[in-house]
N, C-alpha and C. Protein backbone atom coordinates (compact mmCIF):
# COMPACT_ATOMS: atom_id res chain seq x y z
N MET A 1 59.87 112.06 99.71
CA MET A 1 59.81 110.59 99.62
C MET A 1 61.09 110.08 98.97
N ASP A 2 61.84 109.22 99.68
CA ASP A 2 63.05 108.63 99.13
C ASP A 2 62.65 107.58 98.09
N ARG A 3 63.43 107.51 97.02
CA ARG A 3 63.11 106.55 95.96
C ARG A 3 64.39 106.03 95.33
N ASP A 4 64.41 104.75 95.05
CA ASP A 4 65.51 104.15 94.31
C ASP A 4 65.18 104.34 92.83
N TRP A 5 65.70 105.41 92.23
CA TRP A 5 65.33 105.77 90.87
C TRP A 5 65.79 104.72 89.85
N GLU A 6 66.93 104.11 90.10
CA GLU A 6 67.40 103.08 89.16
C GLU A 6 66.40 101.93 89.09
N ALA A 7 65.92 101.49 90.24
CA ALA A 7 64.93 100.41 90.28
C ALA A 7 63.59 100.87 89.71
N PHE A 8 63.19 102.10 90.04
CA PHE A 8 61.91 102.63 89.55
C PHE A 8 61.88 102.72 88.03
N LEU A 9 62.99 103.16 87.43
CA LEU A 9 63.04 103.38 85.99
C LEU A 9 63.35 102.11 85.19
N ALA A 10 63.79 101.05 85.86
CA ALA A 10 64.20 99.82 85.16
C ALA A 10 63.12 99.27 84.22
N PRO A 11 61.86 99.13 84.66
CA PRO A 11 60.84 98.60 83.73
C PRO A 11 60.57 99.54 82.55
N TYR A 12 60.72 100.84 82.77
CA TYR A 12 60.53 101.79 81.67
C TYR A 12 61.66 101.67 80.64
N GLU A 13 62.88 101.47 81.14
CA GLU A 13 64.02 101.27 80.25
C GLU A 13 63.80 100.01 79.40
N LEU A 14 63.32 98.96 80.05
CA LEU A 14 63.08 97.71 79.34
C LEU A 14 61.97 97.87 78.31
N ALA A 15 60.92 98.59 78.68
CA ALA A 15 59.80 98.82 77.76
C ALA A 15 60.25 99.57 76.52
N VAL A 16 61.03 100.63 76.71
CA VAL A 16 61.51 101.41 75.57
C VAL A 16 62.39 100.55 74.66
N ALA A 17 63.27 99.76 75.25
CA ALA A 17 64.15 98.90 74.45
C ALA A 17 63.33 97.91 73.64
N GLU A 18 62.33 97.28 74.26
CA GLU A 18 61.49 96.30 73.56
C GLU A 18 60.66 96.95 72.47
N LEU A 19 60.06 98.09 72.78
CA LEU A 19 59.18 98.75 71.82
C LEU A 19 59.96 99.26 70.62
N LYS A 20 61.18 99.74 70.83
CA LYS A 20 62.00 100.18 69.70
C LYS A 20 62.27 99.01 68.76
N ILE A 21 62.60 97.87 69.32
CA ILE A 21 62.85 96.68 68.50
C ILE A 21 61.59 96.29 67.72
N LYS A 22 60.44 96.30 68.40
CA LYS A 22 59.19 95.89 67.75
C LYS A 22 58.78 96.86 66.65
N LEU A 23 58.90 98.16 66.92
CA LEU A 23 58.48 99.15 65.92
C LEU A 23 59.44 99.17 64.73
N ARG A 24 60.74 98.98 64.99
CA ARG A 24 61.69 98.87 63.89
C ARG A 24 61.47 97.58 63.12
N GLY A 25 61.00 96.56 63.83
CA GLY A 25 60.65 95.31 63.15
C GLY A 25 59.49 95.49 62.18
N LEU A 26 58.52 96.32 62.56
CA LEU A 26 57.42 96.64 61.65
C LEU A 26 57.95 97.26 60.36
N ARG A 27 58.89 98.19 60.53
CA ARG A 27 59.49 98.86 59.37
C ARG A 27 60.15 97.85 58.44
N LYS A 28 60.86 96.90 59.03
CA LYS A 28 61.54 95.88 58.24
C LYS A 28 60.53 95.01 57.49
N GLN A 29 59.40 94.68 58.15
CA GLN A 29 58.39 93.85 57.50
C GLN A 29 57.80 94.55 56.27
N TYR A 30 57.56 95.85 56.38
CA TYR A 30 57.07 96.59 55.22
C TYR A 30 58.09 96.54 54.08
N ARG A 31 59.36 96.70 54.41
CA ARG A 31 60.41 96.67 53.39
C ARG A 31 60.46 95.31 52.70
N GLU A 32 60.36 94.24 53.49
CA GLU A 32 60.45 92.89 52.93
C GLU A 32 59.27 92.59 52.02
N LYS A 33 58.11 93.22 52.30
CA LYS A 33 56.93 93.04 51.45
C LYS A 33 56.99 93.95 50.22
N GLU A 34 58.01 94.81 50.17
CA GLU A 34 58.17 95.79 49.10
C GLU A 34 56.97 96.73 49.03
N ASP A 35 56.36 96.97 50.18
CA ASP A 35 55.29 97.96 50.28
C ASP A 35 55.90 99.32 50.59
N HIS A 36 55.04 100.35 50.48
CA HIS A 36 55.48 101.65 50.99
C HIS A 36 55.72 101.52 52.48
N VAL A 37 56.83 102.07 52.97
CA VAL A 37 57.19 101.96 54.38
C VAL A 37 56.70 103.22 55.10
N PRO A 38 55.64 103.11 55.92
CA PRO A 38 55.09 104.31 56.58
C PRO A 38 55.96 104.82 57.73
N ILE A 39 56.87 103.96 58.22
CA ILE A 39 57.74 104.35 59.33
C ILE A 39 59.11 104.73 58.79
N GLU A 40 59.48 105.98 58.96
CA GLU A 40 60.79 106.44 58.50
C GLU A 40 61.88 106.05 59.50
N PHE A 41 61.68 106.38 60.76
CA PHE A 41 62.57 105.89 61.81
C PHE A 41 61.90 106.02 63.17
N VAL A 42 62.49 105.37 64.16
CA VAL A 42 61.92 105.29 65.50
C VAL A 42 62.98 105.69 66.52
N THR A 43 62.59 106.50 67.49
CA THR A 43 63.48 106.84 68.60
C THR A 43 62.74 106.59 69.91
N GLY A 44 63.47 106.52 71.00
CA GLY A 44 62.84 106.32 72.30
C GLY A 44 63.74 106.80 73.42
N ARG A 45 63.13 107.11 74.55
CA ARG A 45 63.88 107.58 75.70
C ARG A 45 63.06 107.39 76.97
N VAL A 46 63.77 107.37 78.10
CA VAL A 46 63.13 107.37 79.41
C VAL A 46 63.47 108.69 80.08
N LYS A 47 62.46 109.35 80.65
CA LYS A 47 62.71 110.62 81.32
C LYS A 47 63.71 110.43 82.46
N PRO A 48 64.70 111.29 82.58
CA PRO A 48 65.57 111.23 83.75
C PRO A 48 64.81 111.66 85.00
N ALA A 49 65.34 111.26 86.14
CA ALA A 49 64.67 111.53 87.42
C ALA A 49 64.40 113.02 87.62
N GLU A 50 65.37 113.86 87.24
CA GLU A 50 65.20 115.31 87.43
C GLU A 50 64.00 115.83 86.65
N SER A 51 63.84 115.37 85.40
CA SER A 51 62.70 115.81 84.58
C SER A 51 61.39 115.31 85.16
N ILE A 52 61.39 114.10 85.68
CA ILE A 52 60.18 113.55 86.30
C ILE A 52 59.77 114.39 87.50
N LEU A 53 60.74 114.74 88.34
CA LEU A 53 60.44 115.53 89.53
C LEU A 53 59.95 116.93 89.16
N ASN A 54 60.57 117.54 88.15
CA ASN A 54 60.14 118.87 87.71
C ASN A 54 58.71 118.85 87.18
N LYS A 55 58.39 117.82 86.38
CA LYS A 55 57.04 117.73 85.83
C LYS A 55 56.03 117.42 86.92
N ALA A 56 56.41 116.56 87.85
CA ALA A 56 55.51 116.22 88.96
C ALA A 56 55.17 117.47 89.77
N LYS A 57 56.17 118.31 89.98
CA LYS A 57 55.94 119.55 90.73
C LYS A 57 55.04 120.49 89.94
N LEU A 58 55.32 120.62 88.63
CA LEU A 58 54.53 121.51 87.78
C LEU A 58 53.08 121.07 87.70
N ARG A 59 52.85 119.75 87.59
CA ARG A 59 51.49 119.22 87.42
C ARG A 59 50.84 118.81 88.75
N ALA A 60 51.54 119.05 89.85
CA ALA A 60 51.03 118.69 91.18
C ALA A 60 50.68 117.19 91.26
N ILE A 61 51.60 116.36 90.75
CA ILE A 61 51.42 114.92 90.81
C ILE A 61 52.15 114.38 92.03
N PRO A 62 51.46 113.74 92.95
CA PRO A 62 52.15 113.16 94.12
C PRO A 62 53.15 112.10 93.65
N LEU A 63 54.31 112.03 94.29
CA LEU A 63 55.34 111.08 93.87
C LEU A 63 54.87 109.64 93.96
N GLU A 64 53.99 109.36 94.90
CA GLU A 64 53.48 107.98 95.01
C GLU A 64 52.48 107.65 93.91
N ARG A 65 52.11 108.65 93.08
CA ARG A 65 51.15 108.44 91.99
C ARG A 65 51.80 108.56 90.61
N LEU A 66 53.12 108.59 90.57
CA LEU A 66 53.81 108.77 89.29
C LEU A 66 53.43 107.71 88.26
N GLU A 67 53.40 106.46 88.67
CA GLU A 67 53.14 105.37 87.73
C GLU A 67 51.75 105.47 87.12
N GLU A 68 50.79 105.99 87.89
CA GLU A 68 49.41 106.09 87.40
C GLU A 68 49.12 107.38 86.66
N GLU A 69 49.80 108.47 87.02
CA GLU A 69 49.41 109.79 86.51
C GLU A 69 50.41 110.42 85.53
N MET A 70 51.61 109.85 85.42
CA MET A 70 52.57 110.40 84.45
C MET A 70 52.76 109.38 83.33
N SER A 71 52.19 109.69 82.17
CA SER A 71 52.11 108.70 81.09
C SER A 71 53.30 108.72 80.14
N ASP A 72 54.21 109.69 80.31
CA ASP A 72 55.31 109.79 79.35
C ASP A 72 56.69 109.59 79.98
N ILE A 73 56.75 108.83 81.07
CA ILE A 73 58.07 108.49 81.62
C ILE A 73 58.85 107.70 80.57
N ALA A 74 58.15 106.76 79.93
CA ALA A 74 58.71 106.06 78.76
C ALA A 74 58.09 106.69 77.52
N GLY A 75 58.93 107.12 76.59
CA GLY A 75 58.43 107.79 75.39
C GLY A 75 59.06 107.24 74.12
N LEU A 76 58.21 106.97 73.14
CA LEU A 76 58.66 106.55 71.80
C LEU A 76 58.19 107.57 70.79
N ARG A 77 58.97 107.73 69.74
CA ARG A 77 58.59 108.65 68.68
C ARG A 77 58.76 107.96 67.34
N ILE A 78 57.70 107.98 66.55
CA ILE A 78 57.72 107.38 65.22
C ILE A 78 57.64 108.50 64.20
N MET A 79 58.62 108.56 63.30
CA MET A 79 58.63 109.58 62.25
C MET A 79 58.14 108.98 60.94
N CYS A 80 57.31 109.75 60.24
CA CYS A 80 56.73 109.31 58.97
C CYS A 80 57.02 110.35 57.88
N GLN A 81 56.93 109.93 56.63
CA GLN A 81 57.11 110.86 55.53
C GLN A 81 55.85 111.68 55.28
N PHE A 82 54.70 111.02 55.34
CA PHE A 82 53.44 111.66 54.96
C PHE A 82 52.43 111.63 56.12
N VAL A 83 51.53 112.60 56.12
CA VAL A 83 50.47 112.63 57.13
C VAL A 83 49.64 111.35 57.05
N GLU A 84 49.40 110.86 55.82
CA GLU A 84 48.62 109.63 55.66
C GLU A 84 49.30 108.44 56.35
N ASP A 85 50.62 108.45 56.38
CA ASP A 85 51.35 107.37 57.05
C ASP A 85 51.06 107.33 58.54
N ILE A 86 50.86 108.50 59.13
CA ILE A 86 50.58 108.58 60.56
C ILE A 86 49.32 107.78 60.88
N HIS A 87 48.27 108.00 60.10
CA HIS A 87 47.01 107.30 60.35
C HIS A 87 47.14 105.80 60.10
N GLN A 88 47.98 105.43 59.13
CA GLN A 88 48.22 104.01 58.87
C GLN A 88 48.92 103.36 60.07
N VAL A 89 49.91 104.04 60.61
CA VAL A 89 50.64 103.51 61.76
C VAL A 89 49.71 103.40 62.97
N VAL A 90 48.87 104.40 63.18
CA VAL A 90 47.92 104.36 64.30
C VAL A 90 47.02 103.13 64.20
N GLU A 91 46.52 102.85 62.98
CA GLU A 91 45.65 101.68 62.78
C GLU A 91 46.39 100.39 63.09
N VAL A 92 47.66 100.31 62.69
CA VAL A 92 48.45 99.11 62.97
C VAL A 92 48.61 98.92 64.48
N LEU A 93 48.92 100.01 65.18
CA LEU A 93 49.11 99.92 66.63
C LEU A 93 47.81 99.57 67.35
N ARG A 94 46.70 100.06 66.85
CA ARG A 94 45.40 99.72 67.45
C ARG A 94 45.12 98.23 67.39
N SER A 95 45.63 97.57 66.36
CA SER A 95 45.33 96.15 66.14
C SER A 95 46.26 95.21 66.91
N ARG A 96 47.30 95.74 67.53
CA ARG A 96 48.28 94.89 68.20
C ARG A 96 47.73 94.34 69.52
N LYS A 97 48.19 93.11 69.84
CA LYS A 97 47.75 92.44 71.06
C LYS A 97 48.76 92.60 72.20
N ASP A 98 49.95 93.13 71.90
CA ASP A 98 50.99 93.21 72.93
C ASP A 98 50.99 94.57 73.64
N MET A 99 50.03 95.41 73.32
CA MET A 99 49.88 96.69 73.99
C MET A 99 48.40 97.09 73.96
N LYS A 100 48.01 97.95 74.87
CA LYS A 100 46.62 98.42 74.92
C LYS A 100 46.61 99.94 74.90
N ILE A 101 45.95 100.50 73.90
CA ILE A 101 45.84 101.96 73.82
C ILE A 101 44.78 102.43 74.81
N VAL A 102 45.16 103.33 75.70
CA VAL A 102 44.21 103.81 76.71
C VAL A 102 43.83 105.27 76.48
N GLN A 103 44.58 105.96 75.60
CA GLN A 103 44.25 107.35 75.31
C GLN A 103 44.83 107.75 73.96
N GLU A 104 44.07 108.52 73.21
CA GLU A 104 44.55 109.06 71.94
C GLU A 104 44.34 110.58 71.93
N ARG A 105 45.36 111.28 71.46
CA ARG A 105 45.24 112.73 71.31
C ARG A 105 45.67 113.10 69.90
N ASP A 106 44.72 113.59 69.11
CA ASP A 106 44.99 113.95 67.73
C ASP A 106 45.29 115.44 67.63
N TYR A 107 46.57 115.77 67.71
CA TYR A 107 46.99 117.17 67.59
C TYR A 107 47.31 117.53 66.13
N ILE A 108 46.91 116.67 65.21
CA ILE A 108 47.07 116.99 63.79
C ILE A 108 45.79 117.64 63.29
N THR A 109 44.67 116.97 63.53
CA THR A 109 43.37 117.56 63.19
C THR A 109 43.08 118.75 64.09
N ASN A 110 43.47 118.62 65.36
CA ASN A 110 43.23 119.69 66.34
C ASN A 110 44.58 120.16 66.89
N ARG A 111 45.27 120.97 66.12
CA ARG A 111 46.61 121.42 66.53
C ARG A 111 46.52 122.26 67.80
N LYS A 112 47.63 122.29 68.53
CA LYS A 112 47.69 123.14 69.72
C LYS A 112 47.78 124.61 69.32
N ALA A 113 47.50 125.50 70.25
CA ALA A 113 47.52 126.93 69.96
C ALA A 113 48.90 127.40 69.50
N SER A 114 49.94 126.71 69.95
CA SER A 114 51.31 127.08 69.57
C SER A 114 51.62 126.75 68.12
N GLY A 115 50.79 125.87 67.51
CA GLY A 115 51.07 125.38 66.17
C GLY A 115 51.52 123.94 66.16
N TYR A 116 51.74 123.37 67.34
CA TYR A 116 52.23 121.99 67.47
C TYR A 116 51.25 121.00 66.87
N ARG A 117 51.83 120.07 66.07
CA ARG A 117 51.02 118.98 65.50
C ARG A 117 51.75 117.65 65.72
N SER A 118 50.99 116.66 66.10
CA SER A 118 51.51 115.31 66.31
C SER A 118 50.33 114.44 66.71
N TYR A 119 50.51 113.13 66.64
CA TYR A 119 49.47 112.21 67.10
C TYR A 119 50.02 111.45 68.28
N HIS A 120 49.35 111.52 69.43
CA HIS A 120 49.85 110.91 70.66
C HIS A 120 48.98 109.72 71.05
N LEU A 121 49.64 108.63 71.39
CA LEU A 121 48.98 107.47 71.96
C LEU A 121 49.57 107.21 73.34
N VAL A 122 48.72 106.97 74.31
CA VAL A 122 49.18 106.48 75.62
C VAL A 122 48.79 105.01 75.67
N ILE A 123 49.77 104.17 75.94
CA ILE A 123 49.52 102.73 75.94
C ILE A 123 49.84 102.11 77.31
N GLU A 124 49.19 101.00 77.59
CA GLU A 124 49.61 100.13 78.68
C GLU A 124 50.44 99.02 78.05
N TYR A 125 51.63 98.81 78.61
CA TYR A 125 52.54 97.82 78.03
C TYR A 125 53.07 96.90 79.13
N PRO A 126 52.93 95.59 78.97
CA PRO A 126 53.39 94.65 80.00
C PRO A 126 54.88 94.36 79.88
N VAL A 127 55.59 94.52 80.96
CA VAL A 127 57.03 94.23 81.01
C VAL A 127 57.25 93.04 81.93
N GLN A 128 58.05 92.10 81.48
CA GLN A 128 58.34 90.91 82.28
C GLN A 128 59.58 91.17 83.14
N MET A 129 59.35 91.39 84.42
CA MET A 129 60.43 91.62 85.36
C MET A 129 60.71 90.34 86.16
N LEU A 130 61.82 90.34 86.87
CA LEU A 130 62.18 89.18 87.70
C LEU A 130 61.08 88.88 88.71
N GLU A 131 60.44 89.94 89.21
CA GLU A 131 59.39 89.78 90.22
C GLU A 131 58.04 89.41 89.62
N GLY A 132 57.95 89.41 88.30
CA GLY A 132 56.70 89.13 87.61
C GLY A 132 56.34 90.22 86.62
N GLU A 133 55.15 90.12 86.06
CA GLU A 133 54.73 91.10 85.05
C GLU A 133 54.37 92.44 85.69
N LYS A 134 54.83 93.51 85.03
CA LYS A 134 54.49 94.86 85.49
C LYS A 134 53.96 95.64 84.28
N ILE A 135 52.78 96.21 84.43
CA ILE A 135 52.20 96.99 83.34
C ILE A 135 52.52 98.46 83.56
N ILE A 136 53.17 99.05 82.57
CA ILE A 136 53.54 100.46 82.69
C ILE A 136 52.84 101.28 81.60
N LEU A 137 52.76 102.57 81.83
CA LEU A 137 52.24 103.49 80.83
C LEU A 137 53.41 104.01 79.98
N ALA A 138 53.18 104.15 78.69
CA ALA A 138 54.18 104.72 77.79
C ALA A 138 53.45 105.58 76.77
N GLU A 139 54.14 106.58 76.26
CA GLU A 139 53.56 107.47 75.26
C GLU A 139 54.27 107.27 73.93
N ILE A 140 53.47 107.14 72.88
CA ILE A 140 54.01 107.06 71.52
C ILE A 140 53.55 108.28 70.75
N GLN A 141 54.50 109.05 70.25
CA GLN A 141 54.20 110.22 69.42
C GLN A 141 54.50 109.86 67.97
N ILE A 142 53.54 110.16 67.10
CA ILE A 142 53.69 109.84 65.68
C ILE A 142 53.54 111.14 64.90
N ARG A 143 54.54 111.46 64.10
CA ARG A 143 54.52 112.75 63.40
C ARG A 143 55.34 112.66 62.11
N THR A 144 55.17 113.64 61.24
CA THR A 144 55.98 113.70 60.03
C THR A 144 57.34 114.30 60.36
N LEU A 145 58.25 114.19 59.40
CA LEU A 145 59.59 114.76 59.57
C LEU A 145 59.50 116.28 59.74
N ALA A 146 58.60 116.90 58.99
CA ALA A 146 58.44 118.37 59.08
C ALA A 146 57.90 118.75 60.46
N MET A 147 56.91 118.01 60.95
CA MET A 147 56.37 118.28 62.29
C MET A 147 57.45 118.10 63.35
N ASN A 148 58.28 117.08 63.17
CA ASN A 148 59.32 116.81 64.16
C ASN A 148 60.38 117.90 64.18
N PHE A 149 60.74 118.40 63.00
CA PHE A 149 61.72 119.50 62.92
C PHE A 149 61.21 120.70 63.71
N TRP A 150 59.94 121.06 63.47
CA TRP A 150 59.36 122.21 64.17
C TRP A 150 59.30 121.96 65.68
N ALA A 151 58.83 120.77 66.08
CA ALA A 151 58.66 120.47 67.50
C ALA A 151 60.00 120.49 68.24
N THR A 152 61.05 120.04 67.56
CA THR A 152 62.38 120.04 68.18
C THR A 152 62.85 121.47 68.45
N ILE A 153 62.62 122.36 67.49
CA ILE A 153 63.00 123.77 67.66
C ILE A 153 62.16 124.41 68.76
N GLU A 154 60.86 124.16 68.76
CA GLU A 154 59.98 124.76 69.75
C GLU A 154 60.33 124.29 71.16
N HIS A 155 60.70 123.02 71.26
CA HIS A 155 61.10 122.47 72.57
C HIS A 155 62.35 123.19 73.09
N SER A 156 63.31 123.44 72.19
CA SER A 156 64.53 124.15 72.57
C SER A 156 64.22 125.57 73.04
N MET A 157 63.30 126.22 72.33
CA MET A 157 62.91 127.58 72.70
C MET A 157 62.22 127.60 74.07
N ASN A 158 61.36 126.63 74.31
CA ASN A 158 60.69 126.55 75.60
C ASN A 158 61.69 126.35 76.73
N TYR A 159 62.70 125.54 76.46
CA TYR A 159 63.73 125.31 77.47
C TYR A 159 64.52 126.59 77.73
N LYS A 160 64.87 127.29 76.65
CA LYS A 160 65.65 128.52 76.78
C LYS A 160 64.90 129.58 77.58
N TYR A 161 63.60 129.74 77.26
CA TYR A 161 62.81 130.79 77.90
C TYR A 161 61.96 130.27 79.06
N GLN A 162 62.23 129.04 79.50
CA GLN A 162 61.52 128.44 80.64
C GLN A 162 60.00 128.53 80.48
N GLY A 163 59.54 128.22 79.28
CA GLY A 163 58.11 128.18 79.00
C GLY A 163 57.47 129.52 78.72
N GLU A 164 58.25 130.61 78.78
CA GLU A 164 57.71 131.96 78.54
C GLU A 164 58.36 132.54 77.28
N ILE A 165 58.05 131.95 76.13
CA ILE A 165 58.63 132.40 74.86
C ILE A 165 58.07 133.79 74.52
N PRO A 166 58.94 134.74 74.16
CA PRO A 166 58.45 136.08 73.79
C PRO A 166 57.43 136.02 72.66
N ASP A 167 56.47 136.94 72.69
CA ASP A 167 55.37 136.94 71.72
C ASP A 167 55.87 136.95 70.28
N GLU A 168 56.89 137.77 70.00
CA GLU A 168 57.38 137.87 68.62
C GLU A 168 57.90 136.52 68.12
N ILE A 169 58.63 135.82 68.98
CA ILE A 169 59.16 134.52 68.59
C ILE A 169 58.04 133.49 68.49
N SER A 170 57.07 133.58 69.42
CA SER A 170 55.92 132.67 69.36
C SER A 170 55.16 132.83 68.06
N ASP A 171 54.98 134.07 67.62
CA ASP A 171 54.28 134.34 66.36
C ASP A 171 55.04 133.73 65.19
N ARG A 172 56.37 133.89 65.22
CA ARG A 172 57.18 133.34 64.13
C ARG A 172 57.15 131.81 64.14
N LEU A 173 57.18 131.23 65.34
CA LEU A 173 57.10 129.78 65.44
C LEU A 173 55.76 129.27 64.92
N PHE A 174 54.69 130.01 65.22
CA PHE A 174 53.37 129.59 64.74
C PHE A 174 53.33 129.62 63.22
N ARG A 175 53.87 130.69 62.62
CA ARG A 175 53.89 130.77 61.16
C ARG A 175 54.75 129.66 60.56
N ALA A 176 55.84 129.34 61.24
CA ALA A 176 56.70 128.26 60.77
C ALA A 176 55.97 126.92 60.84
N ALA A 177 55.16 126.73 61.90
CA ALA A 177 54.39 125.49 62.03
C ALA A 177 53.39 125.35 60.89
N GLU A 178 52.74 126.45 60.54
CA GLU A 178 51.79 126.42 59.43
C GLU A 178 52.49 126.16 58.10
N ALA A 179 53.69 126.73 57.95
CA ALA A 179 54.47 126.49 56.73
C ALA A 179 54.89 125.02 56.65
N ALA A 180 55.26 124.44 57.80
CA ALA A 180 55.65 123.03 57.83
C ALA A 180 54.47 122.15 57.45
N TYR A 181 53.27 122.51 57.93
CA TYR A 181 52.09 121.70 57.61
C TYR A 181 51.71 121.87 56.13
N GLN A 182 51.92 123.06 55.61
CA GLN A 182 51.67 123.27 54.18
C GLN A 182 52.62 122.40 53.35
N LEU A 183 53.87 122.28 53.81
CA LEU A 183 54.82 121.39 53.13
C LEU A 183 54.29 119.95 53.15
N ASP A 184 53.80 119.50 54.31
CA ASP A 184 53.24 118.15 54.39
C ASP A 184 52.08 117.97 53.42
N GLU A 185 51.22 118.98 53.33
CA GLU A 185 50.07 118.87 52.43
C GLU A 185 50.50 118.81 50.97
N GLU A 186 51.52 119.62 50.63
CA GLU A 186 52.03 119.60 49.26
C GLU A 186 52.63 118.23 48.92
N MET A 187 53.38 117.68 49.86
CA MET A 187 53.98 116.36 49.63
C MET A 187 52.91 115.28 49.51
N SER A 188 51.84 115.42 50.28
CA SER A 188 50.74 114.46 50.17
C SER A 188 50.06 114.53 48.81
N SER A 189 50.03 115.73 48.24
CA SER A 189 49.36 115.91 46.94
C SER A 189 50.12 115.22 45.80
N ILE A 190 51.42 114.98 45.99
CA ILE A 190 52.20 114.27 44.96
C ILE A 190 52.76 112.97 45.55
N ARG A 191 52.05 112.43 46.51
CA ARG A 191 52.51 111.23 47.23
C ARG A 191 52.76 110.06 46.30
N ASP A 192 51.84 109.81 45.38
CA ASP A 192 52.00 108.66 44.47
C ASP A 192 53.27 108.78 43.64
N GLU A 193 53.53 109.98 43.13
CA GLU A 193 54.73 110.18 42.31
C GLU A 193 56.00 110.00 43.14
N ILE A 194 55.97 110.52 44.38
CA ILE A 194 57.14 110.38 45.26
C ILE A 194 57.40 108.91 45.55
N GLN A 195 56.36 108.16 45.88
CA GLN A 195 56.54 106.75 46.22
C GLN A 195 57.03 105.95 45.02
N GLU A 196 56.52 106.27 43.84
CA GLU A 196 56.98 105.58 42.65
C GLU A 196 58.46 105.85 42.40
N ALA A 197 58.86 107.11 42.56
CA ALA A 197 60.27 107.47 42.37
C ALA A 197 61.15 106.77 43.40
N GLN A 198 60.69 106.69 44.65
CA GLN A 198 61.47 106.02 45.70
C GLN A 198 61.59 104.52 45.42
N HIS A 199 60.51 103.94 44.90
CA HIS A 199 60.54 102.51 44.58
C HIS A 199 61.55 102.24 43.47
N VAL A 200 61.55 103.08 42.44
CA VAL A 200 62.49 102.92 41.33
C VAL A 200 63.93 103.08 41.82
N PHE A 201 64.13 104.09 42.67
CA PHE A 201 65.47 104.34 43.21
C PHE A 201 65.96 103.16 44.04
N SER A 202 65.08 102.62 44.89
CA SER A 202 65.45 101.48 45.75
C SER A 202 65.75 100.26 44.90
N TYR A 203 64.97 100.04 43.84
CA TYR A 203 65.19 98.89 42.97
C TYR A 203 66.53 99.00 42.25
N ARG A 204 66.85 100.20 41.78
CA ARG A 204 68.14 100.39 41.11
C ARG A 204 69.30 100.15 42.06
N LYS A 205 69.17 100.64 43.29
CA LYS A 205 70.24 100.42 44.28
C LYS A 205 70.41 98.93 44.54
N TYR A 206 69.29 98.20 44.60
CA TYR A 206 69.34 96.76 44.83
C TYR A 206 70.04 96.06 43.68
N ARG A 207 69.70 96.46 42.43
CA ARG A 207 70.32 95.86 41.25
C ARG A 207 71.81 96.15 41.20
N GLU A 208 72.17 97.41 41.52
CA GLU A 208 73.57 97.79 41.51
C GLU A 208 74.37 97.02 42.56
N LYS A 209 73.77 96.85 43.74
CA LYS A 209 74.43 96.09 44.80
C LYS A 209 74.63 94.65 44.38
N GLY A 210 73.62 94.07 43.72
CA GLY A 210 73.72 92.70 43.23
C GLY A 210 74.81 92.54 42.21
N SER A 211 74.96 93.55 41.33
CA SER A 211 76.00 93.50 40.30
C SER A 211 77.38 93.58 40.92
N ASP A 212 77.52 94.40 41.96
CA ASP A 212 78.82 94.57 42.63
C ASP A 212 79.26 93.29 43.32
N GLU A 213 78.29 92.50 43.80
CA GLU A 213 78.62 91.30 44.55
C GLU A 213 78.96 90.11 43.66
N LYS A 214 78.70 90.22 42.34
CA LYS A 214 79.01 89.13 41.42
C LYS A 214 80.50 89.06 41.12
C-alpha cells in the first residue's frame, strides 16, 4: 500500500509538539506554586516510517489499520524523581479534559519478566488540522530516572541482539532492574528529607540570584 508518510505523520508530529508544551507547562505551574515538582522532565517523539513498518510486520497489523491498532506512533515520556510522583502525575492526567485515557498499563506494580518497570497510558488526543479535527492515539510513559536509565540500556541491548538477548546478559539486566527499583524504594523512604533539602537549595539559589541582580 502506497502512503504519503509525511502527511500521515503530520498530526502525530503536531500532537507531540502540543503535548510536550502542555506537560512542561504543568511542571512550570508546580514550580510557581512552590510545590514539590513531580515532573523532572518531558521528552517526545514520533516513530519514523521504517519503525512503524517493522512493528506492523512483527505484530501483523494491516497498514490500513495503523491509526486504530498502533498506539505508540506518537510517544511522550515523563520522568519523575520518585515512584510516588508517577501516581501523582497519572491522577493529574486522568482529570484533564483535553485528552481521554483509553488504556492503562501498570508495569510498576506488575513488572515485565525482563525487569522493565514503567506506567503506560494510551490516550486519545484531538489535533486541529486544516481539514478539521483528527483524534489520534498517543502513548505516555511515566517512570523514574532510575527506571529510565535501565530501560534505555535494555532497549539498546534489544536492538543489538535483535530481540534475542543472551541469557547471561538478560539475567544481569534483570538484577540491574531490581537494583534500580531498590534505589527508588530507598529514595522514597527519605523522600521528605530530600524534598526539604531541594527546597532549601532552590530558595538559596533564588536569593543569590536576587542579590546578583541588585
